Amino acid sequence: MKYNKKCCCPYCCEGAEKPKTIIRTVYTGITGATGATGATGATGATGATGAVGNTGLAETITLGNIYMVEPNTRARVVDNYQNLNHTFDFFLPRGADGFDGRDGVDGKNGATGPTGPTGATGPEKIPVVYFISTNQQYPEYGLQIGSKQRLPLERKEIDNTNICIVDVPENTIQFNKTGLYKVDFVVNAYTPHSGAIFDPTTDFISVGFRRVGTDIVFAGQSSFNYDQQPIELSAHGVFVVSSVADPFELVNLSPQSIFLKCPKQENTATISHFVCPSVTVVITYLG
């Protein structure tokens, strides 16, 4: 191999074997597939419920008064609000006066007719009578009233027009005036069981107001007595007195005895015997 003196590179000399070019191929890797998404984690526990708030105040509505005002005025409602209560008062216009045109002048009111005759004088007071019986000398177990026997009418407290006469020993009432009457009564009583257990065919209280000698009850009531304790029995009715000679009675219509029983007045907080009656009867004359 000759070297070219002018060249300091051995590869430039004649006959020199030039170096081979080394080509390197760089391979880029293929991107892998994306992995699956992981499962979502469990939801955390729900927090505690907060405290319940206070109940709000409730308002009420009450119907108040209704007033008639002059015609052609505006209807209105007034709310009288106080202490959570609305009280509504209504103001309603009345209708205008009508016209009959009898005087022939623009349809105005005709002449006023003559005054009618004066009606009969009404009663000054309503005739009423009030009877009461109380626990004065009752035994501890009560006052026994046998079947079909009369209940006591001990005291006639009120008789503002003397409409009746009471026979206390016989416990009957006679009226001084014929006509229509209204009767109301209240009885405090019990009945013992006829056997070892309650029997609905016998163990009840039945009381009625009727004319003596008849079986027509004008006012009556019945009630089972399950626990053998005093109960309040009340009734209301109307009847006709066709003859002042007819007596009337309040009678036990139970198949067995009943026992009147109520507290004694001396054990109450009042001196009035009206607070603890065993029998009360009120009769009103209707005309």
C-alpha atoms as a PDB file:
ATOM      1  CA  MET A   1       0.000   0.000   0.000  1.00  0.00           C
ATOM      2  CA  LYS A   2       1.299   3.318  -1.022  1.00  0.00           C
ATOM      3  CA  TYR A   3       0.726   6.191   1.145  1.00  0.00           C
ATOM      4  CA  ASN A   4       0.163   9.525  -0.289  1.00  0.00           C
ATOM      5  CA  LYS A   5       2.548  11.749   1.376  1.00  0.00           C
ATOM      6  CA  LYS A   6       0.203  14.630   1.052  1.00  0.00           C
ATOM      7  CA  CYS A   7      -2.416  12.771   2.955  1.00  0.00           C
ATOM      8  CA  CYS A   8      -2.154  11.865   6.497  1.00  0.00           C
ATOM      9  CA  CYS A   9      -5.079   9.570   6.384  1.00  0.00           C
ATOM     10  CA  PRO A  10      -4.276   6.001   5.518  1.00  0.00           C
ATOM     11  CA  TYR A  11      -7.695   5.563   4.015  1.00  0.00           C
ATOM     12  CA  CYS A  12      -7.070   8.142   1.318  1.00  0.00           C
ATOM     13  CA  CYS A  13      -4.085   6.405  -0.071  1.00  0.00           C
ATOM     14  CA  GLU A  14      -4.315   4.562  -3.213  1.00  0.00           C
ATOM     15  CA  GLY A  15      -5.243   1.073  -2.853  1.00  0.00           C
ATOM     16  CA  ALA A  16      -6.370   1.556   0.706  1.00  0.00           C
ATOM     17  CA  GLU A  17      -9.433  -0.287   1.636  1.00  0.00           C
ATOM     18  CA  LYS A  18     -12.069   2.061   2.767  1.00  0.00           C
ATOM     19  CA  PRO A  19     -13.941   1.128   5.885  1.00  0.00           C
ATOM     20  CA  LYS A  20     -17.288  -0.288   5.540  1.00  0.00           C
ATOM     21  CA  THR A  21     -20.204   1.813   6.641  1.00  0.00           C
ATOM     22  CA  ILE A  22     -22.037   0.145   9.532  1.00  0.00           C
ATOM     23  CA  ILE A  23     -25.732   0.775   9.450  1.00  0.00           C
ATOM     24  CA  ARG A  24     -27.646   0.048  12.625  1.00  0.00           C
ATOM     25  CA  THR A  25     -31.322  -0.347  12.446  1.00  0.00           C
ATOM     26  CA  VAL A  26     -33.119   0.702  15.690  1.00  0.00           C
ATOM     27  CA  TYR A  27     -36.448  -1.003  16.181  1.00  0.00           C
ATOM     28  CA  THR A  28     -39.069   0.839  18.220  1.00  0.00           C
ATOM     29  CA  GLY A  29     -41.243  -1.481  20.366  1.00  0.00           C
ATOM     30  CA  ILE A  30     -45.015  -1.756  19.732  1.00  0.00           C
ATOM     31  CA  THR A  31     -47.130  -0.081  22.434  1.00  0.00           C
ATOM     32  CA  GLY A  32     -49.053  -2.639  24.471  1.00  0.00           C
ATOM     33  CA  ALA A  33     -52.862  -2.658  24.931  1.00  0.00           C
ATOM     34  CA  THR A  34     -54.323  -0.520  27.753  1.00  0.00           C
ATOM     35  CA  GLY A  35     -55.133  -2.561  30.857  1.00  0.00           C
ATOM     36  CA  ALA A  36     -58.698  -3.001  32.182  1.00  0.00           C
ATOM     37  CA  THR A  37     -60.005  -0.390  34.672  1.00  0.00           C
ATOM     38  CA  GLY A  38     -60.097  -1.668  38.217  1.00  0.00           C
ATOM     39  CA  ALA A  39     -63.397  -2.140  40.105  1.00  0.00           C
ATOM     40  CA  THR A  40     -64.880   0.874  41.991  1.00  0.00           C
ATOM     41  CA  GLY A  41     -64.367   0.717  45.725  1.00  0.00           C
ATOM     42  CA  ALA A  42     -67.307   0.207  48.169  1.00  0.00           C
ATOM     43  CA  THR A  43     -69.444   3.261  49.175  1.00  0.00           C
ATOM     44  CA  GLY A  44     -68.751   4.529  52.643  1.00  0.00           C
ATOM     45  CA  ALA A  45     -71.380   4.286  55.427  1.00  0.00           C
ATOM     46  CA  THR A  46     -74.184   6.925  55.531  1.00  0.00           C
ATOM     47  CA  GLY A  47     -73.773   9.513  58.253  1.00  0.00           C
ATOM     48  CA  ALA A  48     -76.169   9.693  61.223  1.00  0.00           C
ATOM     49  CA  THR A  49     -79.585  11.436  60.737  1.00  0.00           C
ATOM     50  CA  GLY A  50     -79.761  14.877  62.254  1.00  0.00           C
ATOM     51  CA  ALA A  51     -82.100  15.697  65.148  1.00  0.00           C
ATOM     52  CA  VAL A  52     -85.818  16.310  64.369  1.00  0.00           C
ATOM     53  CA  GLY A  53     -86.746  19.966  64.503  1.00  0.00           C
ATOM     54  CA  ASN A  54     -89.401  21.363  66.852  1.00  0.00           C
ATOM     55  CA  THR A  55     -93.056  21.068  65.801  1.00  0.00           C
ATOM     56  CA  GLY A  56     -94.376  24.330  64.463  1.00  0.00           C
ATOM     57  CA  LEU A  57     -97.327  26.119  66.033  1.00  0.00           C
ATOM     58  CA  ALA A  58    -100.706  25.316  64.422  1.00  0.00           C
ATOM     59  CA  GLU A  59    -103.201  28.046  63.676  1.00  0.00           C
ATOM     60  CA  THR A  60    -106.971  27.605  63.896  1.00  0.00           C
ATOM     61  CA  ILE A  61    -109.915  29.165  62.097  1.00  0.00           C
ATOM     62  CA  THR A  62    -113.211  30.039  63.808  1.00  0.00           C
ATOM     63  CA  LEU A  63    -116.423  31.351  62.240  1.00  0.00           C
ATOM     64  CA  GLY A  64    -117.316  34.548  64.030  1.00  0.00           C
ATOM     65  CA  ASN A  65    -120.353  36.794  63.513  1.00  0.00           C
ATOM     66  CA  ILE A  66    -122.353  37.537  60.381  1.00  0.00           C
ATOM     67  CA  TYR A  67    -123.524  41.127  60.051  1.00  0.00           C
ATOM     68  CA  MET A  68    -126.039  42.558  57.575  1.00  0.00           C
ATOM     69  CA  VAL A  69    -124.939  45.922  56.187  1.00  0.00           C
ATOM     70  CA  GLU A  70    -126.615  48.477  53.963  1.00  0.00           C
ATOM     71  CA  PRO A  71    -127.544  47.547  50.369  1.00  0.00           C
ATOM     72  CA  ASN A  72    -125.042  48.271  47.596  1.00  0.00           C
ATOM     73  CA  THR A  73    -122.109  48.194  49.998  1.00  0.00           C
ATOM     74  CA  ARG A  74    -119.206  45.866  49.457  1.00  0.00           C
ATOM     75  CA  ALA A  75    -119.170  42.501  51.174  1.00  0.00           C
ATOM     76  CA  ARG A  76    -116.089  41.961  53.328  1.00  0.00           C
ATOM     77  CA  VAL A  77    -114.507  39.541  55.747  1.00  0.00           C
ATOM     78  CA  VAL A  78    -112.568  40.703  58.801  1.00  0.00           C
ATOM     79  CA  ASP A  79    -109.927  38.430  60.301  1.00  0.00           C
ATOM     80  CA  ASN A  80    -109.704  39.016  64.053  1.00  0.00           C
ATOM     81  CA  TYR A  81    -106.374  37.269  64.655  1.00  0.00           C
ATOM     82  CA  GLN A  82    -105.286  36.563  68.211  1.00  0.00           C
ATOM     83  CA  ASN A  83    -103.212  33.824  69.856  1.00  0.00           C
ATOM     84  CA  LEU A  84    -102.867  31.763  66.649  1.00  0.00           C
ATOM     85  CA  ASN A  85    -106.638  31.808  66.071  1.00  0.00           C
ATOM     86  CA  HIS A  86    -108.297  33.460  63.080  1.00  0.00           C
ATOM     87  CA  THR A  87    -111.881  34.523  63.815  1.00  0.00           C
ATOM     88  CA  PHE A  88    -113.665  35.578  60.620  1.00  0.00           C
ATOM     89  CA  ASP A  89    -116.507  38.099  60.844  1.00  0.00           C
ATOM     90  CA  PHE A  90    -118.619  38.432  57.680  1.00  0.00           C
ATOM     91  CA  PHE A  91    -120.259  41.682  56.578  1.00  0.00           C
ATOM     92  CA  LEU A  92    -122.892  40.973  53.926  1.00  0.00           C
ATOM     93  CA  PRO A  93    -125.049  43.625  52.215  1.00  0.00           C
ATOM     94  CA  ARG A  94    -128.766  43.055  52.529  1.00  0.00           C
ATOM     95  CA  GLY A  95    -131.014  43.263  49.508  1.00  0.00           C
ATOM     96  CA  ALA A  96    -132.594  46.547  48.529  1.00  0.00           C
ATOM     97  CA  ASP A  97    -136.212  47.205  49.423  1.00  0.00           C
ATOM     98  CA  GLY A  98    -138.600  45.914  46.773  1.00  0.00           C
ATOM     99  CA  PHE A  99    -141.118  47.984  44.830  1.00  0.00           C
ATOM    100  CA  ASP A 100    -144.676  47.128  43.933  1.00  0.00           C
ATOM    101  CA  GLY A 101    -145.554  50.233  41.888  1.00  0.00           C
ATOM    102  CA  ARG A 102    -149.079  50.490  43.252  1.00  0.00           C
ATOM    103  CA  ASP A 103    -148.876  54.269  43.477  1.00  0.00           C
ATOM    104  CA  GLY A 104    -148.027  54.494  39.748  1.00  0.00           C
ATOM    105  CA  VAL A 105    -145.058  56.793  40.297  1.00  0.00           C
ATOM    106  CA  ASP A 106    -141.871  55.490  38.703  1.00  0.00           C
ATOM    107  CA  GLY A 107    -142.345  52.100  40.266  1.00  0.00           C
ATOM    108  CA  LYS A 108    -141.850  53.351  43.810  1.00  0.00           C
ATOM    109  CA  ASN A 109    -143.299  51.743  46.889  1.00  0.00           C
ATOM    110  CA  GLY A 110    -147.032  51.616  47.155  1.00  0.00           C
ATOM    111  CA  ALA A 111    -148.949  52.778  50.175  1.00  0.00           C
ATOM    112  CA  THR A 112    -148.487  50.871  53.410  1.00  0.00           C
ATOM    113  CA  GLY A 113    -151.374  48.572  54.220  1.00  0.00           C
ATOM    114  CA  PRO A 114    -153.377  48.810  57.433  1.00  0.00           C
ATOM    115  CA  THR A 115    -151.982  47.322  60.633  1.00  0.00           C
ATOM    116  CA  GLY A 116    -153.244  43.823  61.314  1.00  0.00           C
ATOM    117  CA  PRO A 117    -154.981  42.800  64.538  1.00  0.00           C
ATOM    118  CA  THR A 118    -152.893  42.160  67.621  1.00  0.00           C
ATOM    119  CA  GLY A 119    -152.137  38.485  68.214  1.00  0.00           C
ATOM    120  CA  ALA A 120    -152.886  36.586  71.376  1.00  0.00           C
ATOM    121  CA  THR A 121    -150.596  37.211  74.325  1.00  0.00           C
ATOM    122  CA  GLY A 122    -147.929  34.538  74.645  1.00  0.00           C
ATOM    123  CA  PRO A 123    -147.128  32.762  77.901  1.00  0.00           C
ATOM    124  CA  GLU A 124    -145.148  34.782  80.407  1.00  0.00           C
ATOM    125  CA  LYS A 125    -143.043  31.753  81.321  1.00  0.00           C
ATOM    126  CA  ILE A 126    -142.674  28.137  80.228  1.00  0.00           C
ATOM    127  CA  PRO A 127    -144.327  25.743  82.704  1.00  0.00           C
ATOM    128  CA  VAL A 128    -141.745  23.262  83.991  1.00  0.00           C
ATOM    129  CA  VAL A 129    -141.432  20.882  86.947  1.00  0.00           C
ATOM    130  CA  TYR A 130    -138.225  19.353  88.358  1.00  0.00           C
ATOM    131  CA  PHE A 131    -138.053  16.250  90.595  1.00  0.00           C
ATOM    132  CA  ILE A 132    -134.976  14.876  92.349  1.00  0.00           C
ATOM    133  CA  SER A 133    -134.114  11.925  94.620  1.00  0.00           C
ATOM    134  CA  THR A 134    -130.812  11.711  96.478  1.00  0.00           C
ATOM    135  CA  ASN A 135    -128.822   9.246  98.561  1.00  0.00           C
ATOM    136  CA  GLN A 136    -129.994  10.253 102.021  1.00  0.00           C
ATOM    137  CA  GLN A 137    -130.620   6.961 103.823  1.00  0.00           C
ATOM    138  CA  TYR A 138    -129.646   4.360 101.214  1.00  0.00           C
ATOM    139  CA  PRO A 139    -127.995   1.134 102.450  1.00  0.00           C
ATOM    140  CA  GLU A 140    -124.359   0.624 101.507  1.00  0.00           C
ATOM    141  CA  TYR A 141    -125.372  -1.623  98.597  1.00  0.00           C
ATOM    142  CA  GLY A 142    -127.965   0.922  97.348  1.00  0.00           C
ATOM    143  CA  LEU A 143    -131.756   1.343  97.378  1.00  0.00           C
ATOM    144  CA  GLN A 144    -133.438  -1.762  95.957  1.00  0.00           C
ATOM    145  CA  ILE A 145    -136.227  -1.271  93.395  1.00  0.00           C
ATOM    146  CA  GLY A 146    -137.998  -4.497  92.422  1.00  0.00           C
ATOM    147  CA  SER A 147    -139.125  -5.371  88.930  1.00  0.00           C
ATOM    148  CA  LYS A 148    -142.178  -3.246  87.892  1.00  0.00           C
ATOM    149  CA  GLN A 149    -141.810  -1.123  91.040  1.00  0.00           C
ATOM    150  CA  ARG A 150    -141.747   2.686  90.912  1.00  0.00           C
ATOM    151  CA  LEU A 151    -138.615   4.754  91.368  1.00  0.00           C
ATOM    152  CA  PRO A 152    -138.759   7.404  94.131  1.00  0.00           C
ATOM    153  CA  LEU A 153    -139.764  11.018  93.425  1.00  0.00           C
ATOM    154  CA  GLU A 154    -138.694  12.465  96.785  1.00  0.00           C
ATOM    155  CA  ARG A 155    -138.530  16.202  96.145  1.00  0.00           C
ATOM    156  CA  LYS A 156    -140.326  18.575  93.779  1.00  0.00           C
ATOM    157  CA  GLU A 157    -137.731  21.306  93.489  1.00  0.00           C
ATOM    158  CA  ILE A 158    -139.340  23.503  90.828  1.00  0.00           C
ATOM    159  CA  ASP A 159    -142.924  23.880  89.623  1.00  0.00           C
ATOM    160  CA  ASN A 160    -143.117  27.464  88.406  1.00  0.00           C
ATOM    161  CA  THR A 161    -146.786  27.337  87.330  1.00  0.00           C
ATOM    162  CA  ASN A 162    -148.085  24.526  89.552  1.00  0.00           C
ATOM    163  CA  ILE A 163    -148.665  22.191  86.607  1.00  0.00           C
ATOM    164  CA  CYS A 164    -148.575  18.956  88.591  1.00  0.00           C
ATOM    165  CA  ILE A 165    -149.164  17.229  91.906  1.00  0.00           C
ATOM    166  CA  VAL A 166    -146.817  14.541  93.208  1.00  0.00           C
ATOM    167  CA  ASP A 167    -147.904  11.755  95.549  1.00  0.00           C
ATOM    168  CA  VAL A 168    -144.607  11.093  97.392  1.00  0.00           C
ATOM    169  CA  PRO A 169    -145.648   7.875  99.176  1.00  0.00           C
ATOM    170  CA  GLU A 170    -147.013   6.410  95.933  1.00  0.00           C
ATOM    171  CA  ASN A 171    -144.358   8.054  93.694  1.00  0.00           C
ATOM    172  CA  THR A 172    -146.942   9.101  91.083  1.00  0.00           C
ATOM    173  CA  ILE A 173    -147.535  12.401  89.251  1.00  0.00           C
ATOM    174  CA  GLN A 174    -150.803  14.023  88.142  1.00  0.00           C
ATOM    175  CA  PHE A 175    -151.034  17.110  85.958  1.00  0.00           C
ATOM    176  CA  ASN A 176    -153.315  20.121  86.389  1.00  0.00           C
ATOM    177  CA  LYS A 177    -153.519  20.879  82.676  1.00  0.00           C
ATOM    178  CA  THR A 178    -154.130  18.723  79.633  1.00  0.00           C
ATOM    179  CA  GLY A 179    -151.876  19.030  76.628  1.00  0.00           C
ATOM    180  CA  LEU A 180    -148.499  18.005  75.245  1.00  0.00           C
ATOM    181  CA  TYR A 181    -145.532  17.529  77.606  1.00  0.00           C
ATOM    182  CA  LYS A 182    -141.834  16.712  77.279  1.00  0.00           C
ATOM    183  CA  VAL A 183    -140.079  14.477  79.828  1.00  0.00           C
ATOM    184  CA  ASP A 184    -136.356  13.928  80.497  1.00  0.00           C
ATOM    185  CA  PHE A 185    -134.963  11.678  83.224  1.00  0.00           C
ATOM    186  CA  VAL A 186    -131.597  10.387  84.511  1.00  0.00           C
ATOM    187  CA  VAL A 187    -131.141   7.369  86.805  1.00  0.00           C
ATOM    188  CA  ASN A 188    -127.956   6.125  88.540  1.00  0.00           C
ATOM    189  CA  ALA A 189    -128.287   2.402  89.254  1.00  0.00           C
ATOM    190  CA  TYR A 190    -126.827  -1.076  88.896  1.00  0.00           C
ATOM    191  CA  THR A 191    -128.093  -4.651  88.905  1.00  0.00           C
ATOM    192  CA  PRO A 192    -126.262  -7.713  90.255  1.00  0.00           C
ATOM    193  CA  HIS A 193    -125.679 -10.706  88.011  1.00  0.00           C
ATOM    194  CA  SER A 194    -128.433 -13.282  88.270  1.00  0.00           C
ATOM    195  CA  GLY A 195    -125.860 -16.098  88.134  1.00  0.00           C
ATOM    196  CA  ALA A 196    -122.166 -16.732  88.433  1.00  0.00           C
ATOM    197  CA  ILE A 197    -121.447 -14.917  85.149  1.00  0.00           C
ATOM    198  CA  PHE A 198    -123.061 -12.156  83.128  1.00  0.00           C
ATOM    199  CA  ASP A 199    -126.374 -13.133  81.508  1.00  0.00           C
ATOM    200  CA  PRO A 200    -127.579 -10.755  78.746  1.00  0.00           C
ATOM    201  CA  THR A 201    -131.172 -11.941  79.192  1.00  0.00           C
ATOM    202  CA  THR A 202    -131.393 -10.712  82.791  1.00  0.00           C
ATOM    203  CA  ASP A 203    -128.399  -8.587  83.745  1.00  0.00           C
ATOM    204  CA  PHE A 204    -129.454  -5.191  82.425  1.00  0.00           C
ATOM    205  CA  ILE A 205    -131.202  -2.034  83.638  1.00  0.00           C
ATOM    206  CA  SER A 206    -134.437  -0.867  81.998  1.00  0.00           C
ATOM    207  CA  VAL A 207    -136.415   2.169  83.181  1.00  0.00           C
ATOM    208  CA  GLY A 208    -139.467   3.833  81.618  1.00  0.00           C
ATOM    209  CA  PHE A 209    -141.907   6.706  82.152  1.00  0.00           C
ATOM    210  CA  ARG A 210    -145.548   5.755  81.505  1.00  0.00           C
ATOM    211  CA  ARG A 211    -149.156   6.313  82.509  1.00  0.00           C
ATOM    212  CA  VAL A 212    -150.152   4.112  85.445  1.00  0.00           C
ATOM    213  CA  GLY A 213    -152.104   1.023  84.401  1.00  0.00           C
ATOM    214  CA  THR A 214    -150.767   0.975  80.829  1.00  0.00           C
ATOM    215  CA  ASP A 215    -147.751  -0.532  79.104  1.00  0.00           C
ATOM    216  CA  ILE A 216    -147.137   2.416  76.768  1.00  0.00           C
ATOM    217  CA  VAL A 217    -143.726   3.903  77.629  1.00  0.00           C
ATOM    218  CA  PHE A 218    -143.323   7.550  76.618  1.00  0.00           C
ATOM    219  CA  ALA A 219    -139.615   7.770  77.519  1.00  0.00           C
ATOM    220  CA  GLY A 220    -137.336   4.846  78.349  1.00  0.00           C
ATOM    221  CA  GLN A 221    -133.860   3.394  78.138  1.00  0.00           C
ATOM    222  CA  SER A 222    -132.096   0.046  78.719  1.00  0.00           C
ATOM    223  CA  SER A 223    -128.423  -0.821  79.224  1.00  0.00           C
ATOM    224  CA  PHE A 224    -126.420  -3.962  80.005  1.00  0.00           C
ATOM    225  CA  ASN A 225    -124.663  -3.936  83.378  1.00  0.00           C
ATOM    226  CA  TYR A 226    -121.532  -6.018  82.728  1.00  0.00           C
ATOM    227  CA  ASP A 227    -119.494  -5.207  85.841  1.00  0.00           C
ATOM    228  CA  GLN A 228    -122.304  -4.717  88.406  1.00  0.00           C
ATOM    229  CA  GLN A 229    -121.259  -1.088  88.977  1.00  0.00           C
ATOM    230  CA  PRO A 230    -123.640   1.929  88.944  1.00  0.00           C
ATOM    231  CA  ILE A 231    -124.217   3.426  85.508  1.00  0.00           C
ATOM    232  CA  GLU A 232    -126.085   6.533  84.325  1.00  0.00           C
ATOM    233  CA  LEU A 233    -129.236   5.793  82.357  1.00  0.00           C
ATOM    234  CA  SER A 234    -131.005   8.691  80.585  1.00  0.00           C
ATOM    235  CA  ALA A 235    -134.078   9.018  78.353  1.00  0.00           C
ATOM    236  CA  HIS A 236    -136.182  11.677  76.626  1.00  0.00           C
ATOM    237  CA  GLY A 237    -139.687  11.680  75.205  1.00  0.00           C
ATOM    238  CA  VAL A 238    -143.021  13.468  74.766  1.00  0.00           C
ATOM    239  CA  PHE A 239    -146.485  12.487  75.926  1.00  0.00           C
ATOM    240  CA  VAL A 240    -150.046  13.763  75.985  1.00  0.00           C
ATOM    241  CA  VAL A 241    -152.116  14.329  79.111  1.00  0.00           C
ATOM    242  CA  SER A 242    -155.705  13.853  78.000  1.00  0.00           C
ATOM    243  CA  SER A 243    -157.185  13.816  81.517  1.00  0.00           C
ATOM    244  CA  VAL A 244    -155.972  15.502  84.709  1.00  0.00           C
ATOM    245  CA  ALA A 245    -157.112  12.389  86.577  1.00  0.00           C
ATOM    246  CA  ASP A 246    -154.450  10.200  84.946  1.00  0.00           C
ATOM    247  CA  PRO A 247    -151.403   9.418  87.151  1.00  0.00           C
ATOM    248  CA  PHE A 248    -147.932   8.791  85.686  1.00  0.00           C
ATOM    249  CA  GLU A 249    -144.952   6.820  87.025  1.00  0.00           C
ATOM    250  CA  LEU A 250    -141.234   6.174  86.554  1.00  0.00           C
ATOM    251  CA  VAL A 251    -140.862   2.396  86.823  1.00  0.00           C
ATOM    252  CA  ASN A 252    -138.245  -0.371  86.814  1.00  0.00           C
ATOM    253  CA  LEU A 253    -138.918  -2.456  83.693  1.00  0.00           C
ATOM    254  CA  SER A 254    -135.983  -4.834  84.225  1.00  0.00           C
ATOM    255  CA  PRO A 255    -136.747  -8.543  84.842  1.00  0.00           C
ATOM    256  CA  GLN A 256    -135.038  -8.302  88.238  1.00  0.00           C
ATOM    257  CA  SER A 257    -134.305  -5.713  90.932  1.00  0.00           C
ATOM    258  CA  ILE A 258    -132.108  -2.719  90.304  1.00  0.00           C
ATOM    259  CA  PHE A 259    -130.291  -0.738  92.998  1.00  0.00           C
ATOM    260  CA  LEU A 260    -130.125   3.064  93.050  1.00  0.00           C
ATOM    261  CA  LYS A 261    -126.668   4.116  94.176  1.00  0.00           C
ATOM    262  CA  CYS A 262    -124.722   7.383  94.111  1.00  0.00           C
ATOM    263  CA  PRO A 263    -122.345   9.331  96.379  1.00  0.00           C
ATOM    264  CA  LYS A 264    -123.734  11.072  99.443  1.00  0.00           C
ATOM    265  CA  GLN A 265    -123.849  14.853  99.431  1.00  0.00           C
ATOM    266  CA  GLU A 266    -122.011  15.010 102.775  1.00  0.00           C
ATOM    267  CA  ASN A 267    -118.970  13.440 101.109  1.00  0.00           C
ATOM    268  CA  THR A 268    -118.826  16.026  98.313  1.00  0.00           C
ATOM    269  CA  ALA A 269    -117.224  19.470  98.344  1.00  0.00           C
ATOM    270  CA  THR A 270    -120.594  21.272  98.298  1.00  0.00           C
ATOM    271  CA  ILE A 271    -123.706  21.567 100.423  1.00  0.00           C
ATOM    272  CA  SER A 272    -125.918  21.225  97.342  1.00  0.00           C
ATOM    273  CA  HIS A 273    -127.686  17.894  96.897  1.00  0.00           C
ATOM    274  CA  PHE A 274    -128.069  18.624  93.163  1.00  0.00           C
ATOM    275  CA  VAL A 275    -124.527  17.343  92.646  1.00  0.00           C
ATOM    276  CA  CYS A 276    -125.322  13.704  93.515  1.00  0.00           C
ATOM    277  CA  PRO A 277    -128.890  12.729  92.552  1.00  0.00           C
ATOM    278  CA  SER A 278    -129.926   9.113  92.113  1.00  0.00           C
ATOM    279  CA  VAL A 279    -133.026  10.120  90.117  1.00  0.00           C
ATOM    280  CA  THR A 280    -133.705  13.339  88.186  1.00  0.00           C
ATOM    281  CA  VAL A 281    -136.909  14.078  86.251  1.00  0.00           C
ATOM    282  CA  VAL A 282    -137.669  17.273  84.308  1.00  0.00           C
ATOM    283  CA  ILE A 283    -141.113  17.723  82.700  1.00  0.00           C
ATOM    284  CA  THR A 284    -141.949  20.702  80.447  1.00  0.00           C
ATOM    285  CA  TYR A 285    -145.394  21.745  79.239  1.00  0.00           C
ATOM    286  CA  LEU A 286    -145.359  22.304  75.459  1.00  0.00           C
ATOM    287  CA  GLY A 287    -148.954  23.428  74.976  1.00  0.00           C
END
